[in-house]
Amino acid sequence: MIDILFVTPNSAKKIYQGLSDKLSAVETPTWSLLLAESCRSKGGKVAILDCLAENLDHDHAYKKIIEINPKFICFVVYGQNVNAGTTNMIGATELSNFLKQKKIEIPIAYIGSYVQALPKKTLEDEKSIDFVFLNEGVYSLHDILKIKKFDIENLEKIPGIAFRNKVREIQFTKSIGVVPTERMDIDLPGYAWDLLPYKEKPLDLYRSPLWHAEYQEKFRYPYAAIQTSLGCQFKCNFCMINIINKNDDSEIGVASNYNKMRFWSPEFIIKEFDKLIAMGVKTIKITDEMFLFNPKFYIPLCELLSQRNKNDDLKLWAYSRIDTVKRPEILEKVRKAGIKWLCLGIESGSKNIRLEVSKGKFEDVDVLKIVKQIEDADIQVLANYIYGLPGDTEETINETFNLSLKLNTLGWNTYAAMALPGSQLYKDGIDKKIDLPSKYSEFSFHSYDTKPLSTETLKAARVLQLRDEKFEKYFSNDNFLNKINSKFGYDAVKNIKDMLKVKLKRKIIEENL
């Protein structure tokens, strides 16, 4: 009998609308893989059900769960984007409600960033959930493997969870710490790649973002995402990534209270890359929020990767702050390692806006110069921007867009600012009684009913309208398309034009026409 079934929900249609058919990425479920392998290392029998990769409806998911027959089900609602932990709650709650309607008697637990941020609210809102994990859950899961019966007496003995007690009140057990850096290689000992579904060859159900594959379908499959570290040193108000480090039993977790980074050793991580390469996976995302931050970890790893990239066939991408990539010798090492894209959080063209959200000062950085320096090293840039941050006006948004046109990066993402659960913006929104999203889908940047923040001068509908207009304008401008054609060829240009044909419907814009 399987001890734990880790379930990755399928929320794609409601998150991405028409983009979900073939344009949005299908990520490998990082935390299902990490937790499954961790539990296996303690003797647990585990399985993974990836409803997204297999595109399972509720009936088929239910049948598979019955066949697997686990002792308990753990829905994993982490994600690879800052909002994914919340939006993955869409498919998760729909499926767990369906399972309860089917009178399934297997206990259901939730683990992930939304749950970490709002454990009490999760249990209050979702009656199909039997208990939730207060943090990343590694040590709590190890303890759960030891119990034979999921009753209240046994749950009370498990640190780091919340559940409904005998009088139906929500009870928190003693908080427990997250895995420290010195235990990462031991207690999070790799990825259970062998548990993932595939069609013809490993990881062929997973696809990269279009830009990561040079805007060409042939490079999108197979695909994998991998972490080399957890967390971030910074405290950006709009971000909830650091909720991963939550180590207490607060009812409303704020990510900036837990800013730190934890690392696996380079020698340990390279073994996971070797597994992927042996499976034929060359298109890989390094998911860390800040890969190019601590040279003690990333330089040895880049050197090890360069030995695997003799033919320059690896297609890796990683995140970085723009003020950490100023040295040409670093860029040379990064490129030799097979990292062909760097994702930079530029966010705003206004220094005042960046300061408002604790993004930090870039006085010593010429953004145009640094981006050119990266591109001169034959590394492409995905630039991330956010419209509608506190203090944003139509003028500052136009300033941000004009900066992006000058940079003319081959990758471009722009989001409307969102008060994501776990972020300081969310906590501020509660304290100030701002009209925050009430449905999980309203937290999706791409959904029909997305509900971004207003600013002091701009309504949410206008912010979103500007975002969608700028998206269309950026990807159709001649300077960008000519650069794409020069770098990746006409097929890439054609695929971008096809992408622009998929139009997102927006409820709040329709209501304000």
Protein backbone atom coordinates (compact mmCIF):
# COMPACT_ATOMS: atom_id res chain seq x y z
CA MET A 1 0.00 0.00 0.00
CA ILE A 2 1.16 3.51 -0.82
CA ASP A 3 1.76 5.69 2.25
CA ILE A 4 1.41 9.09 0.60
CA LEU A 5 0.07 10.17 -2.77
CA PHE A 6 1.29 13.63 -3.79
CA VAL A 7 -1.22 15.27 -6.14
CA THR A 8 -0.43 18.12 -8.51
CA PRO A 9 -3.74 19.77 -9.46
CA ASN A 10 -4.81 20.90 -12.91
CA SER A 11 -5.86 24.55 -12.89
CA ALA A 12 -4.47 25.50 -16.30
CA LYS A 13 -7.68 26.40 -18.13
CA LYS A 14 -8.92 28.80 -15.48
CA ILE A 15 -5.47 30.27 -14.91
CA TYR A 16 -4.35 30.81 -18.50
CA GLN A 17 -7.55 30.76 -20.60
CA GLY A 18 -6.69 29.91 -24.24
CA LEU A 19 -2.96 30.07 -23.52
CA SER A 20 -3.27 26.73 -21.70
CA ASP A 21 -3.89 24.78 -24.94
CA LYS A 22 -0.26 24.91 -26.06
CA LEU A 23 1.38 28.21 -25.15
CA SER A 24 1.71 28.13 -21.35
CA ALA A 25 4.45 26.02 -19.82
CA VAL A 26 3.82 22.69 -18.11
CA GLU A 27 6.30 22.62 -15.26
CA THR A 28 7.63 19.55 -13.53
CA PRO A 29 6.11 19.58 -10.00
CA THR A 30 9.21 20.56 -8.04
CA TRP A 31 7.80 20.15 -4.55
CA SER A 32 5.94 16.92 -5.24
CA LEU A 33 9.25 15.54 -6.48
CA LEU A 34 11.27 16.84 -3.52
CA LEU A 35 8.79 15.70 -0.87
CA ALA A 36 8.30 12.30 -2.48
CA GLU A 37 12.04 11.66 -2.57
CA SER A 38 12.44 12.91 1.00
CA CYS A 39 9.75 10.52 2.24
CA ARG A 40 11.27 7.65 0.24
CA SER A 41 14.58 8.29 1.97
CA LYS A 42 12.79 7.58 5.27
CA GLY A 43 11.32 4.31 4.02
CA GLY A 44 7.97 5.68 2.89
CA LYS A 45 6.10 4.27 -0.11
CA VAL A 46 5.00 7.19 -2.26
CA ALA A 47 3.46 8.06 -5.61
CA ILE A 48 2.83 11.23 -7.63
CA LEU A 49 -0.34 12.01 -9.56
CA ASP A 50 0.27 14.94 -11.90
CA CYS A 51 -3.20 15.95 -13.07
CA LEU A 52 -1.76 18.87 -15.04
CA ALA A 53 0.76 16.89 -17.09
CA GLU A 54 -1.76 14.14 -17.85
CA ASN A 55 -4.60 16.68 -18.32
CA LEU A 56 -6.88 14.62 -16.08
CA ASP A 57 -10.50 15.52 -15.40
CA HIS A 58 -11.99 14.76 -11.99
CA ASP A 59 -13.39 11.35 -12.93
CA HIS A 60 -10.07 10.08 -14.29
CA ALA A 61 -8.15 11.50 -11.33
CA TYR A 62 -10.58 9.78 -8.94
CA LYS A 63 -10.15 6.43 -10.70
CA LYS A 64 -6.37 6.70 -10.52
CA ILE A 65 -6.49 7.59 -6.83
CA ILE A 66 -8.69 4.58 -6.08
CA GLU A 67 -6.27 2.33 -8.00
CA ILE A 68 -3.27 3.71 -6.10
CA ASN A 69 -5.14 3.41 -2.78
CA PRO A 70 -2.89 5.61 -0.59
CA LYS A 71 -3.12 5.95 3.19
CA PHE A 72 -3.45 9.69 2.71
CA ILE A 73 -3.51 12.26 -0.11
CA CYS A 74 -1.34 15.35 -0.07
CA PHE A 75 -2.31 18.10 -2.52
CA VAL A 76 0.80 20.11 -3.38
CA VAL A 77 -0.11 23.70 -4.19
CA TYR A 78 3.28 25.19 -4.67
CA GLY A 79 4.13 26.58 -8.08
CA GLN A 80 6.95 28.00 -10.16
CA ASN A 81 5.51 31.50 -10.38
CA VAL A 82 4.93 33.92 -7.54
CA ASN A 83 1.14 33.55 -7.86
CA ALA A 84 0.99 29.85 -8.66
CA GLY A 85 0.56 28.68 -5.06
CA THR A 86 -2.74 30.56 -4.93
CA THR A 87 -3.98 29.80 -8.43
CA ASN A 88 -3.20 26.10 -8.04
CA MET A 89 -5.84 26.13 -5.31
CA ILE A 90 -8.44 26.30 -8.10
CA GLY A 91 -7.87 22.79 -9.40
CA ALA A 92 -6.92 21.44 -5.98
CA THR A 93 -10.13 22.47 -4.20
CA GLU A 94 -12.31 21.41 -7.11
CA LEU A 95 -10.77 17.94 -7.07
CA SER A 96 -10.75 17.50 -3.28
CA ASN A 97 -14.42 18.59 -3.16
CA PHE A 98 -15.16 16.02 -5.88
CA LEU A 99 -13.38 13.30 -3.91
CA LYS A 100 -15.38 14.09 -0.78
CA GLN A 101 -18.60 14.01 -2.81
CA LYS A 102 -17.55 10.54 -3.93
CA LYS A 103 -17.39 9.63 -0.21
CA ILE A 104 -13.71 8.89 -0.35
CA GLU A 105 -12.45 8.05 3.12
CA ILE A 106 -8.77 8.75 2.52
CA PRO A 107 -7.57 11.77 4.56
CA ILE A 108 -6.77 14.85 2.45
CA ALA A 109 -4.00 17.29 3.35
CA TYR A 110 -2.73 20.44 1.61
CA ILE A 111 0.82 21.73 1.48
CA GLY A 112 2.16 24.79 -0.33
CA SER A 113 2.66 28.53 -0.35
CA TYR A 114 -1.00 29.62 -0.15
CA VAL A 115 -1.58 27.24 2.75
CA GLN A 116 1.57 28.44 4.51
CA ALA A 117 0.43 32.04 4.15
CA LEU A 118 -3.17 31.43 5.28
CA PRO A 119 -3.49 28.10 7.13
CA LYS A 120 -6.50 29.04 9.27
CA LYS A 121 -8.39 30.65 6.40
CA THR A 122 -7.72 27.60 4.22
CA LEU A 123 -9.36 25.28 6.72
CA GLU A 124 -12.21 27.72 7.34
CA ASP A 125 -12.97 28.03 3.63
CA GLU A 126 -12.34 24.48 2.42
CA LYS A 127 -14.28 21.76 4.22
CA SER A 128 -12.83 19.05 1.96
CA ILE A 129 -9.40 19.49 3.58
CA ASP A 130 -8.70 17.43 6.69
CA PHE A 131 -5.44 19.11 7.68
CA VAL A 132 -2.79 21.50 6.33
CA PHE A 133 0.95 21.91 6.76
CA LEU A 134 2.16 25.15 8.33
CA ASN A 135 5.48 25.20 6.48
CA GLU A 136 7.28 23.21 3.78
CA GLY A 137 6.27 20.07 5.65
CA VAL A 138 9.39 17.93 5.33
CA TYR A 139 9.73 16.96 8.97
CA SER A 140 5.98 16.80 9.53
CA LEU A 141 5.70 14.31 6.67
CA HIS A 142 8.48 12.21 8.17
CA ASP A 143 6.48 12.04 11.40
CA ILE A 144 3.26 11.22 9.56
CA LEU A 145 4.94 8.18 8.02
CA LYS A 146 5.13 6.73 11.54
CA ILE A 147 1.41 6.89 12.38
CA LYS A 148 -1.03 4.12 11.50
CA LYS A 149 -4.31 5.95 11.99
CA PHE A 150 -5.31 9.48 11.03
CA ASP A 151 -7.36 10.36 14.09
CA ILE A 152 -7.26 13.53 16.18
CA GLU A 153 -5.15 11.93 18.91
CA ASN A 154 -2.42 11.07 16.41
CA LEU A 155 -2.65 14.37 14.52
CA GLU A 156 -2.11 16.24 17.78
CA LYS A 157 1.30 14.57 18.00
CA ILE A 158 2.44 15.81 14.58
CA PRO A 159 4.28 19.17 14.78
CA GLY A 160 3.75 21.77 12.08
CA ILE A 161 0.14 21.10 11.04
CA ALA A 162 -3.35 22.53 11.59
CA PHE A 163 -6.61 20.59 11.68
CA ARG A 164 -10.16 20.61 13.13
CA ASN A 165 -10.32 19.10 16.60
CA LYS A 166 -13.17 17.17 18.26
CA VAL A 167 -15.28 20.30 18.71
CA ARG A 168 -14.53 21.36 15.09
CA GLU A 169 -12.28 24.19 16.13
CA ILE A 170 -9.10 24.79 14.15
CA GLN A 171 -6.12 23.65 16.16
CA PHE A 172 -2.45 24.36 15.44
CA THR A 173 0.21 21.98 16.65
CA LYS A 174 3.65 23.07 17.78
CA SER A 175 5.54 24.85 14.98
CA ILE A 176 8.59 23.21 13.49
CA GLY A 177 11.55 24.60 11.61
CA VAL A 178 12.34 24.23 7.94
CA VAL A 179 15.26 22.17 6.66
CA PRO A 180 18.48 24.14 7.39
CA THR A 181 21.22 24.52 4.78
CA GLU A 182 23.48 22.02 6.53
CA ARG A 183 20.74 19.35 6.22
CA MET A 184 19.54 20.10 2.68
CA ASP A 185 21.51 17.31 0.98
CA ILE A 186 20.32 14.85 3.65
CA ASP A 187 16.68 15.70 4.32
CA LEU A 188 15.75 16.90 0.82
CA PRO A 189 17.86 14.33 -1.02
CA GLY A 190 16.85 14.92 -4.63
CA TYR A 191 13.95 14.47 -7.03
CA ALA A 192 11.73 11.45 -7.62
CA TRP A 193 11.89 11.88 -11.41
CA ASP A 194 10.96 8.22 -11.94
CA LEU A 195 7.49 8.82 -10.46
CA LEU A 196 6.43 11.29 -13.16
CA PRO A 197 4.19 10.23 -16.06
CA TYR A 198 5.39 10.26 -19.65
CA LYS A 199 4.11 9.36 -23.11
CA GLU A 200 7.10 7.97 -25.01
CA LYS A 201 10.17 9.10 -23.08
CA PRO A 202 10.82 10.64 -19.64
CA LEU A 203 9.48 14.17 -19.08
CA ASP A 204 7.97 14.46 -22.57
CA LEU A 205 4.64 15.61 -21.07
CA TYR A 206 6.36 18.73 -19.75
CA ARG A 207 7.00 21.80 -21.93
CA SER A 208 9.06 24.90 -21.46
CA PRO A 209 7.90 28.49 -21.93
CA LEU A 210 7.96 29.37 -25.61
CA TRP A 211 10.72 31.97 -25.27
CA HIS A 212 12.98 29.54 -23.36
CA ALA A 213 12.86 27.25 -26.40
CA GLU A 214 13.93 30.10 -28.70
CA TYR A 215 10.25 30.42 -29.67
CA GLN A 216 10.41 27.00 -31.37
CA GLU A 217 8.29 23.97 -30.49
CA LYS A 218 11.05 21.44 -31.15
CA PHE A 219 13.02 22.56 -28.08
CA ARG A 220 10.09 22.67 -25.64
CA TYR A 221 9.92 18.93 -24.88
CA PRO A 222 11.16 17.22 -22.73
CA TYR A 223 11.55 19.81 -20.02
CA ALA A 224 12.36 20.03 -16.33
CA ALA A 225 12.67 22.60 -13.55
CA ILE A 226 15.13 22.28 -10.71
CA GLN A 227 16.01 24.22 -7.55
CA THR A 228 19.58 24.75 -6.34
CA SER A 229 18.50 26.95 -3.43
CA LEU A 230 15.34 27.97 -1.57
CA GLY A 231 14.24 31.47 -0.64
CA CYS A 232 15.58 34.96 -1.30
CA GLN A 233 17.61 37.53 0.65
CA PHE A 234 15.37 40.43 -0.33
CA LYS A 235 12.03 41.73 0.94
CA CYS A 236 10.09 42.91 -2.10
CA ASN A 237 6.60 43.90 -0.96
CA PHE A 238 4.85 42.36 -3.98
CA CYS A 239 6.48 38.93 -3.65
CA MET A 240 5.51 35.95 -1.50
CA ILE A 241 8.36 33.58 -2.45
CA ASN A 242 9.97 33.70 1.00
CA ILE A 243 6.87 32.16 2.55
CA ILE A 244 8.74 28.94 1.74
CA ASN A 245 10.89 29.73 4.80
CA LYS A 246 7.95 30.16 7.19
CA ASN A 247 8.77 28.44 10.49
CA ASP A 248 5.98 29.50 12.86
CA ASP A 249 2.24 29.13 13.33
CA SER A 250 1.09 32.62 12.36
CA GLU A 251 -2.39 32.82 10.88
CA ILE A 252 -1.28 35.33 8.24
CA GLY A 253 2.25 34.74 7.07
CA VAL A 254 4.21 37.60 5.48
CA ALA A 255 7.05 36.46 3.24
CA SER A 256 9.36 39.38 3.99
CA ASN A 257 9.56 38.17 7.62
CA TYR A 258 11.35 35.04 6.43
CA ASN A 259 13.92 36.39 3.98
CA LYS A 260 16.87 34.05 3.78
CA MET A 261 18.41 31.53 1.40
CA ARG A 262 19.12 27.85 1.88
CA PHE A 263 21.39 25.90 -0.46
CA TRP A 264 22.07 22.40 -1.61
CA SER A 265 25.75 21.71 -2.27
CA PRO A 266 26.91 22.11 -5.91
CA GLU A 267 28.16 18.50 -5.85
CA PHE A 268 24.72 17.30 -4.82
CA ILE A 269 22.83 19.36 -7.41
CA ILE A 270 25.04 18.27 -10.31
CA LYS A 271 23.90 14.69 -9.69
CA GLU A 272 20.31 15.79 -10.44
CA PHE A 273 21.44 17.51 -13.63
CA ASP A 274 23.24 14.30 -14.60
CA LYS A 275 20.03 12.33 -14.12
CA LEU A 276 18.13 14.74 -16.37
CA ILE A 277 20.82 14.77 -19.04
CA ALA A 278 20.88 10.94 -18.99
CA MET A 279 17.11 11.02 -19.62
CA GLY A 280 17.64 13.24 -22.65
CA VAL A 281 16.50 16.48 -21.00
CA LYS A 282 18.47 19.49 -22.18
CA THR A 283 15.90 22.28 -21.70
CA ILE A 284 15.98 23.03 -17.98
CA LYS A 285 14.82 25.88 -15.77
CA ILE A 286 16.79 26.76 -12.65
CA THR A 287 13.90 27.86 -10.48
CA ASP A 288 15.81 29.70 -7.73
CA GLU A 289 14.62 33.23 -7.17
CA MET A 290 18.20 34.44 -7.02
CA PHE A 291 20.54 31.94 -8.71
CA LEU A 292 23.34 34.43 -9.37
CA PHE A 293 23.60 35.71 -5.84
CA ASN A 294 26.07 33.66 -3.80
CA PRO A 295 29.20 32.83 -5.81
CA LYS A 296 30.20 30.23 -3.22
CA PHE A 297 27.42 28.04 -4.59
CA TYR A 298 26.73 29.06 -8.17
CA ILE A 299 30.32 29.33 -9.49
CA PRO A 300 31.27 25.72 -8.57
CA LEU A 301 27.97 24.52 -10.02
CA CYS A 302 28.53 26.48 -13.25
CA GLU A 303 32.00 24.96 -13.53
CA LEU A 304 30.55 21.46 -13.11
CA LEU A 305 27.82 22.21 -15.65
CA SER A 306 30.34 23.50 -18.19
CA GLN A 307 31.90 20.03 -18.18
CA ARG A 308 28.48 18.65 -19.23
CA ASN A 309 28.02 21.32 -21.90
CA LYS A 310 30.98 20.60 -24.18
CA ASN A 311 28.70 20.61 -27.25
CA ASP A 312 26.76 23.67 -26.06
CA ASP A 313 23.51 21.72 -26.23
CA LEU A 314 22.17 22.62 -22.80
CA LYS A 315 19.39 25.22 -22.78
CA LEU A 316 19.21 26.52 -19.24
CA TRP A 317 17.74 29.66 -17.78
CA ALA A 318 17.98 31.24 -14.37
CA TYR A 319 16.82 34.26 -12.35
CA SER A 320 19.07 37.05 -11.18
CA ARG A 321 19.01 40.62 -9.89
CA ILE A 322 20.37 43.01 -12.45
CA ASP A 323 22.93 44.38 -9.99
CA THR A 324 24.52 40.93 -9.50
CA VAL A 325 25.63 40.37 -13.11
CA LYS A 326 28.04 43.25 -13.70
CA ARG A 327 31.27 41.26 -14.09
CA PRO A 328 32.14 39.91 -17.59
CA GLU A 329 34.11 36.96 -16.16
CA ILE A 330 30.97 35.81 -14.32
CA LEU A 331 28.91 36.02 -17.48
CA GLU A 332 31.50 33.93 -19.31
CA LYS A 333 31.25 31.18 -16.67
CA VAL A 334 27.44 31.33 -16.77
CA ARG A 335 27.33 31.02 -20.56
CA LYS A 336 29.78 28.10 -20.64
CA ALA A 337 27.52 26.31 -18.15
CA GLY A 338 24.72 26.32 -20.74
CA ILE A 339 22.72 29.16 -19.21
CA LYS A 340 21.44 30.92 -22.31
CA TRP A 341 18.78 33.07 -20.66
CA LEU A 342 18.80 35.25 -17.56
CA CYS A 343 15.51 36.44 -16.12
CA LEU A 344 15.88 39.91 -14.59
CA GLY A 345 13.32 41.52 -12.31
CA ILE A 346 13.53 45.11 -13.54
CA GLU A 347 9.88 45.68 -12.47
CA SER A 348 9.72 49.44 -13.08
CA GLY A 349 11.46 52.13 -15.05
CA SER A 350 11.01 54.45 -12.06
CA LYS A 351 13.54 54.27 -9.21
CA ASN A 352 10.94 55.81 -6.91
CA ILE A 353 8.51 52.96 -7.59
CA ARG A 354 11.21 50.36 -6.96
CA LEU A 355 12.02 52.02 -3.65
CA GLU A 356 8.32 52.04 -2.71
CA VAL A 357 8.16 48.24 -2.90
CA SER A 358 11.57 47.66 -1.31
CA LYS A 359 13.04 46.52 -4.61
CA GLY A 360 16.22 48.33 -3.82
CA LYS A 361 18.28 51.05 -5.38
CA PHE A 362 20.03 50.66 -8.70
CA GLU A 363 22.03 53.91 -8.53
CA ASP A 364 25.24 52.12 -9.36
CA VAL A 365 23.73 50.19 -12.25
CA ASP A 366 23.11 51.38 -15.78
CA VAL A 367 20.29 49.00 -16.81
CA LEU A 368 20.88 49.53 -20.54
CA LYS A 369 24.59 48.88 -20.15
CA ILE A 370 24.14 45.74 -18.05
CA VAL A 371 21.58 44.21 -20.42
CA LYS A 372 23.88 44.88 -23.37
CA GLN A 373 26.76 43.32 -21.43
CA ILE A 374 24.70 40.18 -20.85
CA GLU A 375 23.66 39.97 -24.49
CA ASP A 376 27.26 40.54 -25.62
CA ALA A 377 28.10 37.40 -23.62
CA ASP A 378 25.61 35.53 -25.86
CA ILE A 379 23.07 35.28 -23.06
CA GLN A 380 19.54 36.43 -23.76
CA VAL A 381 17.45 38.41 -21.28
CA LEU A 382 13.91 37.87 -20.13
CA ALA A 383 12.90 41.18 -18.55
CA ASN A 384 10.12 41.19 -15.96
CA TYR A 385 8.03 44.30 -15.31
CA ILE A 386 5.07 45.03 -13.05
CA TYR A 387 2.41 47.66 -13.78
CA GLY A 388 0.28 49.07 -10.99
CA LEU A 389 2.74 48.97 -8.11
CA PRO A 390 2.09 51.44 -5.26
CA GLY A 391 2.76 54.93 -6.55
CA ASP A 392 2.41 53.97 -10.23
CA THR A 393 0.72 56.44 -12.56
CA GLU A 394 0.02 56.25 -16.26
CA GLU A 395 3.16 58.32 -16.72
CA THR A 396 5.40 55.92 -14.75
CA ILE A 397 3.89 52.91 -16.53
CA ASN A 398 4.69 54.54 -19.86
CA GLU A 399 8.19 55.24 -18.52
CA THR A 400 8.56 51.54 -17.73
CA PHE A 401 7.33 50.51 -21.16
CA ASN A 402 9.63 52.95 -22.94
CA LEU A 403 12.55 51.50 -20.99
CA SER A 404 11.55 48.01 -22.16
CA LEU A 405 11.47 49.22 -25.78
CA LYS A 406 14.98 50.65 -25.42
CA LEU A 407 16.24 47.40 -23.89
CA ASN A 408 14.49 45.36 -26.62
CA THR A 409 15.11 42.09 -24.82
CA LEU A 410 14.19 38.84 -26.56
CA GLY A 411 12.08 37.83 -23.58
CA TRP A 412 9.46 40.13 -22.03
CA ASN A 413 6.96 39.61 -19.22
CA THR A 414 4.70 42.24 -17.74
CA TYR A 415 2.17 41.66 -14.98
CA ALA A 416 -0.47 43.78 -13.32
CA ALA A 417 0.41 44.17 -9.63
CA MET A 418 -1.40 41.73 -7.38
CA ALA A 419 -1.77 41.52 -3.61
CA LEU A 420 -0.71 37.89 -3.40
CA PRO A 421 -1.38 35.97 -0.18
CA GLY A 422 1.88 35.80 1.70
CA SER A 423 3.10 39.18 0.42
CA GLN A 424 3.32 42.43 2.35
CA LEU A 425 0.92 43.96 -0.18
CA TYR A 426 -1.69 41.39 0.85
CA LYS A 427 -1.20 42.12 4.56
CA ASP A 428 -1.37 45.86 3.86
CA GLY A 429 -4.55 45.28 1.87
CA ILE A 430 -6.18 43.53 4.83
CA ASP A 431 -5.05 46.20 7.29
CA LYS A 432 -6.31 48.99 5.02
CA LYS A 433 -9.53 47.10 4.17
CA ILE A 434 -8.78 47.19 0.45
CA ASP A 435 -11.11 45.20 -1.82
CA LEU A 436 -8.90 42.14 -2.36
CA PRO A 437 -9.70 39.12 -4.55
CA SER A 438 -12.14 36.67 -2.97
CA LYS A 439 -11.65 33.80 -5.46
CA TYR A 440 -8.45 31.93 -6.26
CA SER A 441 -8.82 32.64 -9.98
CA GLU A 442 -8.85 36.38 -9.30
CA PHE A 443 -5.20 36.07 -8.25
CA SER A 444 -4.17 34.77 -11.68
CA PHE A 445 -2.45 37.35 -13.88
CA HIS A 446 -3.95 35.75 -17.00
CA SER A 447 -7.44 34.69 -15.90
CA TYR A 448 -10.73 36.11 -17.12
CA ASP A 449 -11.68 37.41 -13.68
CA THR A 450 -8.22 38.59 -12.58
CA LYS A 451 -8.39 41.32 -9.99
CA PRO A 452 -5.18 43.34 -9.77
CA LEU A 453 -4.56 46.29 -7.50
CA SER A 454 -5.63 49.83 -8.18
CA THR A 455 -3.19 52.67 -7.53
CA GLU A 456 -3.79 56.11 -6.13
CA THR A 457 -4.47 57.41 -9.67
CA LEU A 458 -5.36 54.33 -11.72
CA LYS A 459 -8.25 51.90 -11.43
CA ALA A 460 -7.41 48.21 -11.66
CA ALA A 461 -9.19 47.94 -15.02
CA ARG A 462 -6.97 50.66 -16.50
CA VAL A 463 -3.80 49.04 -15.15
CA LEU A 464 -4.81 45.74 -16.73
CA GLN A 465 -5.79 47.43 -19.98
CA LEU A 466 -2.38 49.10 -20.16
CA ARG A 467 -0.67 45.78 -19.50
CA ASP A 468 -2.53 44.00 -22.29
CA GLU A 469 -2.06 46.89 -24.73
CA LYS A 470 1.69 47.04 -24.04
CA PHE A 471 1.96 43.24 -24.44
CA GLU A 472 0.48 43.47 -27.93
CA LYS A 473 2.61 46.49 -28.83
CA TYR A 474 5.88 44.99 -27.60
CA PHE A 475 5.58 41.63 -29.36
CA SER A 476 4.47 43.19 -32.63
CA ASN A 477 7.04 45.98 -32.89
CA ASP A 478 9.49 45.71 -35.78
CA ASN A 479 12.67 46.24 -33.74
CA PHE A 480 11.82 43.26 -31.57
CA LEU A 481 10.73 40.99 -34.44
CA ASN A 482 13.80 41.87 -36.50
CA LYS A 483 16.01 40.98 -33.55
CA ILE A 484 14.14 37.68 -33.10
CA ASN A 485 14.54 36.87 -36.80
CA SER A 486 18.24 37.63 -36.67
CA LYS A 487 18.80 35.45 -33.60
CA PHE A 488 16.33 32.56 -33.98
CA GLY A 489 14.98 32.71 -37.56
CA TYR A 490 11.64 33.35 -39.23
CA ASP A 491 9.89 30.33 -37.66
CA ALA A 492 10.33 32.00 -34.29
CA VAL A 493 8.78 35.21 -35.66
CA LYS A 494 5.83 33.24 -37.02
CA ASN A 495 5.28 31.52 -33.67
CA ILE A 496 5.23 34.89 -31.92
CA LYS A 497 2.65 36.21 -34.38
CA ASP A 498 0.56 33.08 -33.78
CA MET A 499 0.83 33.69 -30.02
CA LEU A 500 -0.61 37.18 -30.48
CA LYS A 501 -3.73 35.67 -32.05
CA VAL A 502 -4.72 34.23 -28.66
CA LYS A 503 -6.61 37.05 -26.97
CA LEU A 504 -7.26 37.09 -23.24
CA LYS A 505 -10.74 38.07 -22.11
CA ARG A 506 -10.85 40.39 -19.10
CA LYS A 507 -13.98 40.75 -16.97
CA ILE A 508 -13.09 44.04 -15.30
CA ILE A 509 -12.17 45.65 -18.62
CA GLU A 510 -15.46 44.49 -20.18
CA GLU A 511 -17.36 45.93 -17.22
CA ASN A 512 -15.63 49.29 -17.59
CA LEU A 513 -16.07 49.73 -21.35
